[in-house]
Amino acid sequence: QIRSGAECVFKCQPDYVPYPSRSWCSRGVLTPPAFQCLLWTDQQVVENAGFGPSGAVRQRCGMNSICKVTNIDGLGLLEGDNFMLLTVCGAKGRVLSDLGWPDR
């Protein structure tokens, strides 16, 4: 049972992200009433849902230097979320870890 005024944060199995990421209960009604788990590595699915960062995220880092990315806003993002680097932005990008780059 969920009390009125409460927030629900949805969870999915590893490699999937909830969309939308949360819901609110008001007078017995959950809004939005349902969620789905999206495979976060399927960029076409993520793009079609409109889920993820909004606006351009442009950052350059020098070779062998530590890069810190901050202040990313978007739909469905939660505190503590991670991100993956792609060869190019969007559905045509390949995950760098698939090309032998470290994933952490």
PDB file of N, CA and C in Angstrom:
ATOM      1  N   GLN A   1       0.841  -1.177   0.000  1.00  0.00           N
ATOM      2  CA  GLN A   1       0.000   0.000   0.000  1.00  0.00           C
ATOM      3  C   GLN A   1       0.887   1.241   0.000  1.00  0.00           C
ATOM      4  N   ILE A   2       0.480   2.248  -0.734  1.00  0.00           N
ATOM      5  CA  ILE A   2       1.233   3.499  -0.862  1.00  0.00           C
ATOM      6  C   ILE A   2       0.396   4.618  -0.265  1.00  0.00           C
ATOM      7  N   ARG A   3       0.999   5.394   0.635  1.00  0.00           N
ATOM      8  CA  ARG A   3       0.237   6.483   1.265  1.00  0.00           C
ATOM      9  C   ARG A   3       0.142   7.673   0.311  1.00  0.00           C
ATOM     10  N   SER A   4      -0.923   8.436   0.438  1.00  0.00           N
ATOM     11  CA  SER A   4      -1.136   9.620  -0.393  1.00  0.00           C
ATOM     12  C   SER A   4      -0.009  10.622  -0.158  1.00  0.00           C
ATOM     13  N   GLY A   5       0.503  11.187  -1.234  1.00  0.00           N
ATOM     14  CA  GLY A   5       1.607  12.138  -1.157  1.00  0.00           C
ATOM     15  C   GLY A   5       2.968  11.477  -1.268  1.00  0.00           C
ATOM     16  N   ALA A   6       2.992  10.144  -1.311  1.00  0.00           N
ATOM     17  CA  ALA A   6       4.262   9.416  -1.382  1.00  0.00           C
ATOM     18  C   ALA A   6       4.766   9.335  -2.820  1.00  0.00           C
ATOM     19  N   GLU A   7       6.051   9.186  -2.912  1.00  0.00           N
ATOM     20  CA  GLU A   7       6.702   9.027  -4.206  1.00  0.00           C
ATOM     21  C   GLU A   7       7.207   7.595  -4.315  1.00  0.00           C
ATOM     22  N   CYS A   8       7.033   6.986  -5.472  1.00  0.00           N
ATOM     23  CA  CYS A   8       7.572   5.649  -5.741  1.00  0.00           C
ATOM     24  C   CYS A   8       8.700   5.794  -6.745  1.00  0.00           C
ATOM     25  N   VAL A   9       9.847   5.210  -6.432  1.00  0.00           N
ATOM     26  CA  VAL A   9      10.967   5.174  -7.369  1.00  0.00           C
ATOM     27  C   VAL A   9      11.030   3.752  -7.904  1.00  0.00           C
ATOM     28  N   PHE A  10      10.894   3.602  -9.218  1.00  0.00           N
ATOM     29  CA  PHE A  10      10.834   2.289  -9.838  1.00  0.00           C
ATOM     30  C   PHE A  10      12.222   1.688  -9.999  1.00  0.00           C
ATOM     31  N   LYS A  11      12.288   0.377  -9.962  1.00  0.00           N
ATOM     32  CA  LYS A  11      13.538  -0.371 -10.118  1.00  0.00           C
ATOM     33  C   LYS A  11      13.354  -1.429 -11.204  1.00  0.00           C
ATOM     34  N   CYS A  12      14.450  -1.731 -11.900  1.00  0.00           N
ATOM     35  CA  CYS A  12      14.446  -2.768 -12.933  1.00  0.00           C
ATOM     36  C   CYS A  12      15.636  -3.698 -12.714  1.00  0.00           C
ATOM     37  N   GLN A  13      15.657  -4.779 -13.454  1.00  0.00           N
ATOM     38  CA  GLN A  13      16.770  -5.707 -13.428  1.00  0.00           C
ATOM     39  C   GLN A  13      18.030  -5.015 -13.969  1.00  0.00           C
ATOM     40  N   PRO A  14      19.225  -5.552 -13.681  1.00  0.00           N
ATOM     41  CA  PRO A  14      20.457  -4.964 -14.213  1.00  0.00           C
ATOM     42  C   PRO A  14      20.387  -4.811 -15.736  1.00  0.00           C
ATOM     43  N   ASP A  15      21.000  -3.749 -16.240  1.00  0.00           N
ATOM     44  CA  ASP A  15      21.042  -3.385 -17.663  1.00  0.00           C
ATOM     45  C   ASP A  15      19.748  -2.764 -18.177  1.00  0.00           C
ATOM     46  N   TYR A  16      18.774  -2.582 -17.303  1.00  0.00           N
ATOM     47  CA  TYR A  16      17.520  -1.934 -17.696  1.00  0.00           C
ATOM     48  C   TYR A  16      17.293  -0.721 -16.802  1.00  0.00           C
ATOM     49  N   VAL A  17      16.616   0.275 -17.354  1.00  0.00           N
ATOM     50  CA  VAL A  17      16.289   1.468 -16.580  1.00  0.00           C
ATOM     51  C   VAL A  17      14.781   1.687 -16.603  1.00  0.00           C
ATOM     52  N   PRO A  18      14.208   2.145 -15.491  1.00  0.00           N
ATOM     53  CA  PRO A  18      12.762   2.389 -15.465  1.00  0.00           C
ATOM     54  C   PRO A  18      12.399   3.678 -16.193  1.00  0.00           C
ATOM     55  N   TYR A  19      11.308   3.628 -16.935  1.00  0.00           N
ATOM     56  CA  TYR A  19      10.797   4.821 -17.624  1.00  0.00           C
ATOM     57  C   TYR A  19       9.295   4.861 -17.484  1.00  0.00           C
ATOM     58  N   PRO A  20       8.720   5.879 -16.883  1.00  0.00           N
ATOM     59  CA  PRO A  20       9.401   6.941 -16.137  1.00  0.00           C
ATOM     60  C   PRO A  20      10.074   6.372 -14.894  1.00  0.00           C
ATOM     61  N   SER A  21      10.945   7.153 -14.310  1.00  0.00           N
ATOM     62  CA  SER A  21      11.746   6.659 -13.187  1.00  0.00           C
ATOM     63  C   SER A  21      11.005   6.689 -11.856  1.00  0.00           C
ATOM     64  N   ARG A  22       9.933   7.470 -11.780  1.00  0.00           N
ATOM     65  CA  ARG A  22       9.198   7.573 -10.512  1.00  0.00           C
ATOM     66  C   ARG A  22       7.740   7.923 -10.755  1.00  0.00           C
ATOM     67  N   SER A  23       6.949   7.766  -9.703  1.00  0.00           N
ATOM     68  CA  SER A  23       5.521   8.046  -9.762  1.00  0.00           C
ATOM     69  C   SER A  23       5.091   8.617  -8.411  1.00  0.00           C
ATOM     70  N   TRP A  24       3.979   9.328  -8.383  1.00  0.00           N
ATOM     71  CA  TRP A  24       3.467   9.920  -7.148  1.00  0.00           C
ATOM     72  C   TRP A  24       2.061   9.438  -6.886  1.00  0.00           C
ATOM     73  N   CYS A  25       1.744   9.263  -5.616  1.00  0.00           N
ATOM     74  CA  CYS A  25       0.414   8.831  -5.212  1.00  0.00           C
ATOM     75  C   CYS A  25      -0.340  10.028  -4.637  1.00  0.00           C
ATOM     76  N   SER A  26      -1.530  10.252  -5.155  1.00  0.00           N
ATOM     77  CA  SER A  26      -2.370  11.328  -4.634  1.00  0.00           C
ATOM     78  C   SER A  26      -3.811  10.837  -4.598  1.00  0.00           C
ATOM     79  N   ARG A  27      -4.361  10.741  -3.375  1.00  0.00           N
ATOM     80  CA  ARG A  27      -5.750  10.313  -3.170  1.00  0.00           C
ATOM     81  C   ARG A  27      -6.058   8.987  -3.848  1.00  0.00           C
ATOM     82  N   GLY A  28      -5.140   8.055  -3.730  1.00  0.00           N
ATOM     83  CA  GLY A  28      -5.354   6.717  -4.265  1.00  0.00           C
ATOM     84  C   GLY A  28      -5.035   6.548  -5.734  1.00  0.00           C
ATOM     85  N   VAL A  29      -4.522   7.613  -6.383  1.00  0.00           N
ATOM     86  CA  VAL A  29      -4.197   7.525  -7.802  1.00  0.00           C
ATOM     87  C   VAL A  29      -2.694   7.664  -7.984  1.00  0.00           C
ATOM     88  N   LEU A  30      -2.093   6.694  -8.667  1.00  0.00           N
ATOM     89  CA  LEU A  30      -0.667   6.712  -8.957  1.00  0.00           C
ATOM     90  C   LEU A  30      -0.455   7.386 -10.308  1.00  0.00           C
ATOM     91  N   THR A  31       0.391   8.427 -10.352  1.00  0.00           N
ATOM     92  CA  THR A  31       0.623   9.178 -11.582  1.00  0.00           C
ATOM     93  C   THR A  31       2.107   9.279 -11.865  1.00  0.00           C
ATOM     94  N   PRO A  32       2.586   8.808 -13.003  1.00  0.00           N
ATOM     95  CA  PRO A  32       1.873   7.992 -13.977  1.00  0.00           C
ATOM     96  C   PRO A  32       1.567   6.616 -13.401  1.00  0.00           C
ATOM     97  N   PRO A  33       0.561   5.935 -13.955  1.00  0.00           N
ATOM     98  CA  PRO A  33       0.082   4.687 -13.359  1.00  0.00           C
ATOM     99  C   PRO A  33       0.954   3.466 -13.629  1.00  0.00           C
ATOM    100  N   ALA A  34       1.889   3.548 -14.580  1.00  0.00           N
ATOM    101  CA  ALA A  34       2.694   2.377 -14.934  1.00  0.00           C
ATOM    102  C   ALA A  34       4.076   2.831 -15.404  1.00  0.00           C
ATOM    103  N   PHE A  35       4.990   1.877 -15.500  1.00  0.00           N
ATOM    104  CA  PHE A  35       6.320   2.155 -16.030  1.00  0.00           C
ATOM    105  C   PHE A  35       6.774   0.964 -16.850  1.00  0.00           C
ATOM    106  N   GLN A  36       7.830   1.157 -17.609  1.00  0.00           N
ATOM    107  CA  GLN A  36       8.414   0.053 -18.360  1.00  0.00           C
ATOM    108  C   GLN A  36       9.917   0.043 -18.121  1.00  0.00           C
ATOM    109  N   CYS A  37      10.521  -1.098 -18.303  1.00  0.00           N
ATOM    110  CA  CYS A  37      11.965  -1.226 -18.156  1.00  0.00           C
ATOM    111  C   CYS A  37      12.594  -1.226 -19.548  1.00  0.00           C
ATOM    112  N   LEU A  38      13.455  -0.244 -19.795  1.00  0.00           N
ATOM    113  CA  LEU A  38      14.108  -0.104 -21.090  1.00  0.00           C
ATOM    114  C   LEU A  38      15.539  -0.622 -21.015  1.00  0.00           C
ATOM    115  N   LEU A  39      15.963  -1.327 -22.047  1.00  0.00           N
ATOM    116  CA  LEU A  39      17.341  -1.774 -22.146  1.00  0.00           C
ATOM    117  C   LEU A  39      18.193  -0.553 -22.474  1.00  0.00           C
ATOM    118  N   TRP A  40      18.996  -0.092 -21.517  1.00  0.00           N
ATOM    119  CA  TRP A  40      19.692   1.185 -21.678  1.00  0.00           C
ATOM    120  C   TRP A  40      20.753   1.162 -22.745  1.00  0.00           C
ATOM    121  N   THR A  41      21.237  -0.014 -23.177  1.00  0.00           N
ATOM    122  CA  THR A  41      22.237  -0.049 -24.242  1.00  0.00           C
ATOM    123  C   THR A  41      21.602   0.004 -25.631  1.00  0.00           C
ATOM    124  N   ASP A  42      20.278  -0.113 -25.715  1.00  0.00           N
ATOM    125  CA  ASP A  42      19.592  -0.002 -26.995  1.00  0.00           C
ATOM    126  C   ASP A  42      19.234   1.466 -27.217  1.00  0.00           C
ATOM    127  N   GLN A  43      20.131   2.182 -27.859  1.00  0.00           N
ATOM    128  CA  GLN A  43      19.967   3.618 -28.016  1.00  0.00           C
ATOM    129  C   GLN A  43      18.722   3.997 -28.796  1.00  0.00           C
ATOM    130  N   GLN A  44      18.274   3.157 -29.722  1.00  0.00           N
ATOM    131  CA  GLN A  44      17.067   3.474 -30.475  1.00  0.00           C
ATOM    132  C   GLN A  44      15.846   3.452 -29.568  1.00  0.00           C
ATOM    133  N   VAL A  45      15.771   2.470 -28.672  1.00  0.00           N
ATOM    134  CA  VAL A  45      14.661   2.388 -27.713  1.00  0.00           C
ATOM    135  C   VAL A  45      14.677   3.606 -26.799  1.00  0.00           C
ATOM    136  N   VAL A  46      15.856   3.955 -26.290  1.00  0.00           N
ATOM    137  CA  VAL A  46      15.993   5.102 -25.389  1.00  0.00           C
ATOM    138  C   VAL A  46      15.608   6.393 -26.109  1.00  0.00           C
ATOM    139  N   GLU A  47      16.093   6.543 -27.338  1.00  0.00           N
ATOM    140  CA  GLU A  47      15.776   7.749 -28.111  1.00  0.00           C
ATOM    141  C   GLU A  47      14.279   7.840 -28.405  1.00  0.00           C
ATOM    142  N   ASN A  48      13.661   6.736 -28.783  1.00  0.00           N
ATOM    143  CA  ASN A  48      12.221   6.736 -29.076  1.00  0.00           C
ATOM    144  C   ASN A  48      11.390   7.101 -27.851  1.00  0.00           C
ATOM    145  N   ALA A  49      11.843   6.713 -26.674  1.00  0.00           N
ATOM    146  CA  ALA A  49      11.115   7.008 -25.434  1.00  0.00           C
ATOM    147  C   ALA A  49      11.333   8.449 -24.974  1.00  0.00           C
ATOM    148  N   GLY A  50      12.357   9.112 -25.512  1.00  0.00           N
ATOM    149  CA  GLY A  50      12.662  10.471 -25.066  1.00  0.00           C
ATOM    150  C   GLY A  50      13.315  10.480 -23.700  1.00  0.00           C
ATOM    151  N   PHE A  51      13.909   9.372 -23.328  1.00  0.00           N
ATOM    152  CA  PHE A  51      14.492   9.171 -22.010  1.00  0.00           C
ATOM    153  C   PHE A  51      15.960   9.582 -22.037  1.00  0.00           C
ATOM    154  N   GLY A  52      16.459  10.155 -20.959  1.00  0.00           N
ATOM    155  CA  GLY A  52      17.888  10.421 -20.850  1.00  0.00           C
ATOM    156  C   GLY A  52      18.231  11.892 -20.831  1.00  0.00           C
ATOM    157  N   PRO A  53      19.509  12.200 -21.052  1.00  0.00           N
ATOM    158  CA  PRO A  53      19.964  13.583 -20.966  1.00  0.00           C
ATOM    159  C   PRO A  53      19.283  14.473 -21.981  1.00  0.00           C
ATOM    160  N   SER A  54      19.099  15.742 -21.620  1.00  0.00           N
ATOM    161  CA  SER A  54      18.540  16.711 -22.549  1.00  0.00           C
ATOM    162  C   SER A  54      19.593  17.767 -22.865  1.00  0.00           C
ATOM    163  N   GLY A  55      19.528  18.266 -24.058  1.00  0.00           N
ATOM    164  CA  GLY A  55      20.494  19.278 -24.471  1.00  0.00           C
ATOM    165  C   GLY A  55      21.832  18.648 -24.811  1.00  0.00           C
ATOM    166  N   ALA A  56      22.721  19.464 -25.282  1.00  0.00           N
ATOM    167  CA  ALA A  56      24.042  18.973 -25.682  1.00  0.00           C
ATOM    168  C   ALA A  56      24.940  18.793 -24.463  1.00  0.00           C
ATOM    169  N   VAL A  57      25.626  17.688 -24.430  1.00  0.00           N
ATOM    170  CA  VAL A  57      26.626  17.442 -23.397  1.00  0.00           C
ATOM    171  C   VAL A  57      27.960  17.443 -24.127  1.00  0.00           C
ATOM    172  N   ARG A  58      28.682  18.543 -24.021  1.00  0.00           N
ATOM    173  CA  ARG A  58      29.953  18.665 -24.731  1.00  0.00           C
ATOM    174  C   ARG A  58      31.071  18.844 -23.715  1.00  0.00           C
ATOM    175  N   GLN A  59      32.004  17.949 -23.788  1.00  0.00           N
ATOM    176  CA  GLN A  59      33.131  18.032 -22.877  1.00  0.00           C
ATOM    177  C   GLN A  59      34.337  17.413 -23.539  1.00  0.00           C
ATOM    178  N   ARG A  60      35.460  18.060 -23.394  1.00  0.00           N
ATOM    179  CA  ARG A  60      36.712  17.515 -23.907  1.00  0.00           C
ATOM    180  C   ARG A  60      37.648  17.294 -22.736  1.00  0.00           C
ATOM    181  N   CYS A  61      38.345  16.195 -22.798  1.00  0.00           N
ATOM    182  CA  CYS A  61      39.312  15.871 -21.756  1.00  0.00           C
ATOM    183  C   CYS A  61      40.632  15.535 -22.424  1.00  0.00           C
ATOM    184  N   GLY A  62      41.706  15.965 -21.809  1.00  0.00           N
ATOM    185  CA  GLY A  62      43.026  15.645 -22.335  1.00  0.00           C
ATOM    186  C   GLY A  62      43.343  14.172 -22.185  1.00  0.00           C
ATOM    187  N   MET A  63      44.221  13.708 -23.020  1.00  0.00           N
ATOM    188  CA  MET A  63      44.616  12.301 -22.985  1.00  0.00           C
ATOM    189  C   MET A  63      45.205  11.950 -21.617  1.00  0.00           C
ATOM    190  N   ASN A  64      44.804  10.822 -21.068  1.00  0.00           N
ATOM    191  CA  ASN A  64      45.265  10.328 -19.771  1.00  0.00           C
ATOM    192  C   ASN A  64      44.944  11.262 -18.605  1.00  0.00           C
ATOM    193  N   SER A  65      43.931  12.083 -18.756  1.00  0.00           N
ATOM    194  CA  SER A  65      43.529  12.958 -17.659  1.00  0.00           C
ATOM    195  C   SER A  65      42.181  12.493 -17.110  1.00  0.00           C
ATOM    196  N   ILE A  66      41.881  12.892 -15.891  1.00  0.00           N
ATOM    197  CA  ILE A  66      40.607  12.547 -15.269  1.00  0.00           C
ATOM    198  C   ILE A  66      39.561  13.550 -15.752  1.00  0.00           C
ATOM    199  N   CYS A  67      38.429  13.044 -16.154  1.00  0.00           N
ATOM    200  CA  CYS A  67      37.343  13.874 -16.657  1.00  0.00           C
ATOM    201  C   CYS A  67      36.166  13.782 -15.690  1.00  0.00           C
ATOM    202  N   LYS A  68      35.620  14.894 -15.280  1.00  0.00           N
ATOM    203  CA  LYS A  68      34.460  14.904 -14.388  1.00  0.00           C
ATOM    204  C   LYS A  68      33.301  15.584 -15.108  1.00  0.00           C
ATOM    205  N   VAL A  69      32.212  14.852 -15.272  1.00  0.00           N
ATOM    206  CA  VAL A  69      31.025  15.373 -15.940  1.00  0.00           C
ATOM    207  C   VAL A  69      29.986  15.667 -14.871  1.00  0.00           C
ATOM    208  N   THR A  70      29.486  16.896 -14.841  1.00  0.00           N
ATOM    209  CA  THR A  70      28.506  17.291 -13.827  1.00  0.00           C
ATOM    210  C   THR A  70      27.344  18.035 -14.472  1.00  0.00           C
ATOM    211  N   ASN A  71      26.312  18.255 -13.691  1.00  0.00           N
ATOM    212  CA  ASN A  71      25.151  19.063 -14.093  1.00  0.00           C
ATOM    213  C   ASN A  71      24.468  18.572 -15.361  1.00  0.00           C
ATOM    214  N   ILE A  72      24.181  17.287 -15.415  1.00  0.00           N
ATOM    215  CA  ILE A  72      23.444  16.736 -16.540  1.00  0.00           C
ATOM    216  C   ILE A  72      21.985  16.618 -16.132  1.00  0.00           C
ATOM    217  N   ASP A  73      21.103  17.211 -16.912  1.00  0.00           N
ATOM    218  CA  ASP A  73      19.668  17.143 -16.656  1.00  0.00           C
ATOM    219  C   ASP A  73      19.004  16.327 -17.755  1.00  0.00           C
ATOM    220  N   GLY A  74      17.882  15.729 -17.417  1.00  0.00           N
ATOM    221  CA  GLY A  74      17.148  14.995 -18.430  1.00  0.00           C
ATOM    222  C   GLY A  74      16.009  14.206 -17.835  1.00  0.00           C
ATOM    223  N   LEU A  75      15.242  13.614 -18.694  1.00  0.00           N
ATOM    224  CA  LEU A  75      14.059  12.861 -18.305  1.00  0.00           C
ATOM    225  C   LEU A  75      14.443  11.489 -17.772  1.00  0.00           C
ATOM    226  N   GLY A  76      14.025  11.180 -16.558  1.00  0.00           N
ATOM    227  CA  GLY A  76      14.237   9.865 -15.991  1.00  0.00           C
ATOM    228  C   GLY A  76      15.569   9.670 -15.299  1.00  0.00           C
ATOM    229  N   LEU A  77      16.381  10.710 -15.212  1.00  0.00           N
ATOM    230  CA  LEU A  77      17.677  10.568 -14.558  1.00  0.00           C
ATOM    231  C   LEU A  77      17.508  10.681 -13.052  1.00  0.00           C
ATOM    232  N   LEU A  78      18.258   9.866 -12.331  1.00  0.00           N
ATOM    233  CA  LEU A  78      18.203   9.867 -10.874  1.00  0.00           C
ATOM    234  C   LEU A  78      19.584  10.134 -10.300  1.00  0.00           C
ATOM    235  N   GLU A  79      19.630  10.649  -9.091  1.00  0.00           N
ATOM    236  CA  GLU A  79      20.893  10.860  -8.384  1.00  0.00           C
ATOM    237  C   GLU A  79      21.662   9.550  -8.335  1.00  0.00           C
ATOM    238  N   GLY A  80      22.926   9.587  -8.686  1.00  0.00           N
ATOM    239  CA  GLY A  80      23.754   8.391  -8.653  1.00  0.00           C
ATOM    240  C   GLY A  80      23.762   7.594  -9.948  1.00  0.00           C
ATOM    241  N   ASP A  81      22.998   8.030 -10.956  1.00  0.00           N
ATOM    242  CA  ASP A  81      23.018   7.333 -12.244  1.00  0.00           C
ATOM    243  C   ASP A  81      24.405   7.405 -12.865  1.00  0.00           C
ATOM    244  N   ASN A  82      24.718   6.435 -13.663  1.00  0.00           N
ATOM    245  CA  ASN A  82      25.959   6.404 -14.419  1.00  0.00           C
ATOM    246  C   ASN A  82      25.667   6.743 -15.870  1.00  0.00           C
ATOM    247  N   PHE A  83      26.705   6.873 -16.658  1.00  0.00           N
ATOM    248  CA  PHE A  83      26.509   7.105 -18.085  1.00  0.00           C
ATOM    249  C   PHE A  83      27.521   6.284 -18.852  1.00  0.00           C
ATOM    250  N   MET A  84      27.274   6.121 -20.148  1.00  0.00           N
ATOM    251  CA  MET A  84      28.221   5.387 -20.974  1.00  0.00           C
ATOM    252  C   MET A  84      28.678   6.288 -22.103  1.00  0.00           C
ATOM    253  N   LEU A  85      29.923   6.130 -22.479  1.00  0.00           N
ATOM    254  CA  LEU A  85      30.479   6.913 -23.570  1.00  0.00           C
ATOM    255  C   LEU A  85      30.265   6.173 -24.879  1.00  0.00           C
ATOM    256  N   LEU A  86      29.872   6.937 -25.886  1.00  0.00           N
ATOM    257  CA  LEU A  86      29.639   6.376 -27.211  1.00  0.00           C
ATOM    258  C   LEU A  86      30.625   6.971 -28.209  1.00  0.00           C
ATOM    259  N   THR A  87      30.837   6.258 -29.301  1.00  0.00           N
ATOM    260  CA  THR A  87      31.719   6.771 -30.346  1.00  0.00           C
ATOM    261  C   THR A  87      31.137   8.032 -30.965  1.00  0.00           C
ATOM    262  N   VAL A  88      29.816   8.080 -31.138  1.00  0.00           N
ATOM    263  CA  VAL A  88      29.087   9.271 -31.586  1.00  0.00           C
ATOM    264  C   VAL A  88      27.769   9.292 -30.840  1.00  0.00           C
ATOM    265  N   CYS A  89      27.164  10.450 -30.718  1.00  0.00           N
ATOM    266  CA  CYS A  89      25.888  10.562 -30.009  1.00  0.00           C
ATOM    267  C   CYS A  89      24.761   9.922 -30.821  1.00  0.00           C
ATOM    268  N   GLY A  90      23.767   9.423 -30.111  1.00  0.00           N
ATOM    269  CA  GLY A  90      22.573   8.897 -30.754  1.00  0.00           C
ATOM    270  C   GLY A  90      22.632   7.409 -31.028  1.00  0.00           C
ATOM    271  N   ALA A  91      21.648   6.955 -31.806  1.00  0.00           N
ATOM    272  CA  ALA A  91      21.453   5.530 -32.041  1.00  0.00           C
ATOM    273  C   ALA A  91      22.602   4.882 -32.813  1.00  0.00           C
ATOM    274  N   LYS A  92      23.388   5.647 -33.551  1.00  0.00           N
ATOM    275  CA  LYS A  92      24.476   5.065 -34.333  1.00  0.00           C
ATOM    276  C   LYS A  92      25.765   4.920 -33.533  1.00  0.00           C
ATOM    277  N   GLY A  93      25.789   5.468 -32.324  1.00  0.00           N
ATOM    278  CA  GLY A  93      26.985   5.379 -31.495  1.00  0.00           C
ATOM    279  C   GLY A  93      27.220   3.980 -30.963  1.00  0.00           C
ATOM    280  N   ARG A  94      28.470   3.592 -30.904  1.00  0.00           N
ATOM    281  CA  ARG A  94      28.845   2.305 -30.320  1.00  0.00           C
ATOM    282  C   ARG A  94      29.421   2.555 -28.935  1.00  0.00           C
ATOM    283  N   VAL A  95      29.132   1.672 -28.008  1.00  0.00           N
ATOM    284  CA  VAL A  95      29.631   1.794 -26.644  1.00  0.00           C
ATOM    285  C   VAL A  95      31.143   1.576 -26.664  1.00  0.00           C
ATOM    286  N   LEU A  96      31.906   2.504 -26.080  1.00  0.00           N
ATOM    287  CA  LEU A  96      33.360   2.410 -26.117  1.00  0.00           C
ATOM    288  C   LEU A  96      33.894   1.148 -25.454  1.00  0.00           C
ATOM    289  N   SER A  97      33.211   0.671 -24.408  1.00  0.00           N
ATOM    290  CA  SER A  97      33.687  -0.551 -23.745  1.00  0.00           C
ATOM    291  C   SER A  97      33.598  -1.753 -24.692  1.00  0.00           C
ATOM    292  N   ASP A  98      32.686  -1.713 -25.675  1.00  0.00           N
ATOM    293  CA  ASP A  98      32.601  -2.792 -26.670  1.00  0.00           C
ATOM    294  C   ASP A  98      33.819  -2.791 -27.593  1.00  0.00           C
ATOM    295  N   LEU A  99      34.520  -1.666 -27.644  1.00  0.00           N
ATOM    296  CA  LEU A  99      35.695  -1.534 -28.504  1.00  0.00           C
ATOM    297  C   LEU A  99      36.997  -1.735 -27.738  1.00  0.00           C
ATOM    298  N   GLY A 100      36.892  -2.184 -26.461  1.00  0.00           N
ATOM    299  CA  GLY A 100      38.081  -2.474 -25.678  1.00  0.00           C
ATOM    300  C   GLY A 100      38.463  -1.407 -24.670  1.00  0.00           C
ATOM    301  N   TRP A 101      37.717  -0.301 -24.599  1.00  0.00           N
ATOM    302  CA  TRP A 101      37.983   0.731 -23.601  1.00  0.00           C
ATOM    303  C   TRP A 101      37.489   0.245 -22.244  1.00  0.00           C
ATOM    304  N   PRO A 102      38.117   0.686 -21.152  1.00  0.00           N
ATOM    305  CA  PRO A 102      37.636   0.275 -19.822  1.00  0.00           C
ATOM    306  C   PRO A 102      36.216   0.783 -19.601  1.00  0.00           C
ATOM    307  N   ASP A 103      35.398   0.012 -18.891  1.00  0.00           N
ATOM    308  CA  ASP A 103      34.018   0.439 -18.642  1.00  0.00           C
ATOM    309  C   ASP A 103      33.869   1.186 -17.315  1.00  0.00           C
ATOM    310  N   ARG A 104      34.909   1.467 -16.627  1.00  0.00           N
ATOM    311  CA  ARG A 104      34.846   2.219 -15.364  1.00  0.00           C
ATOM    312  C   ARG A 104      35.875   3.313 -15.380  1.00  0.00           C
TER     313      ARG A 104
END
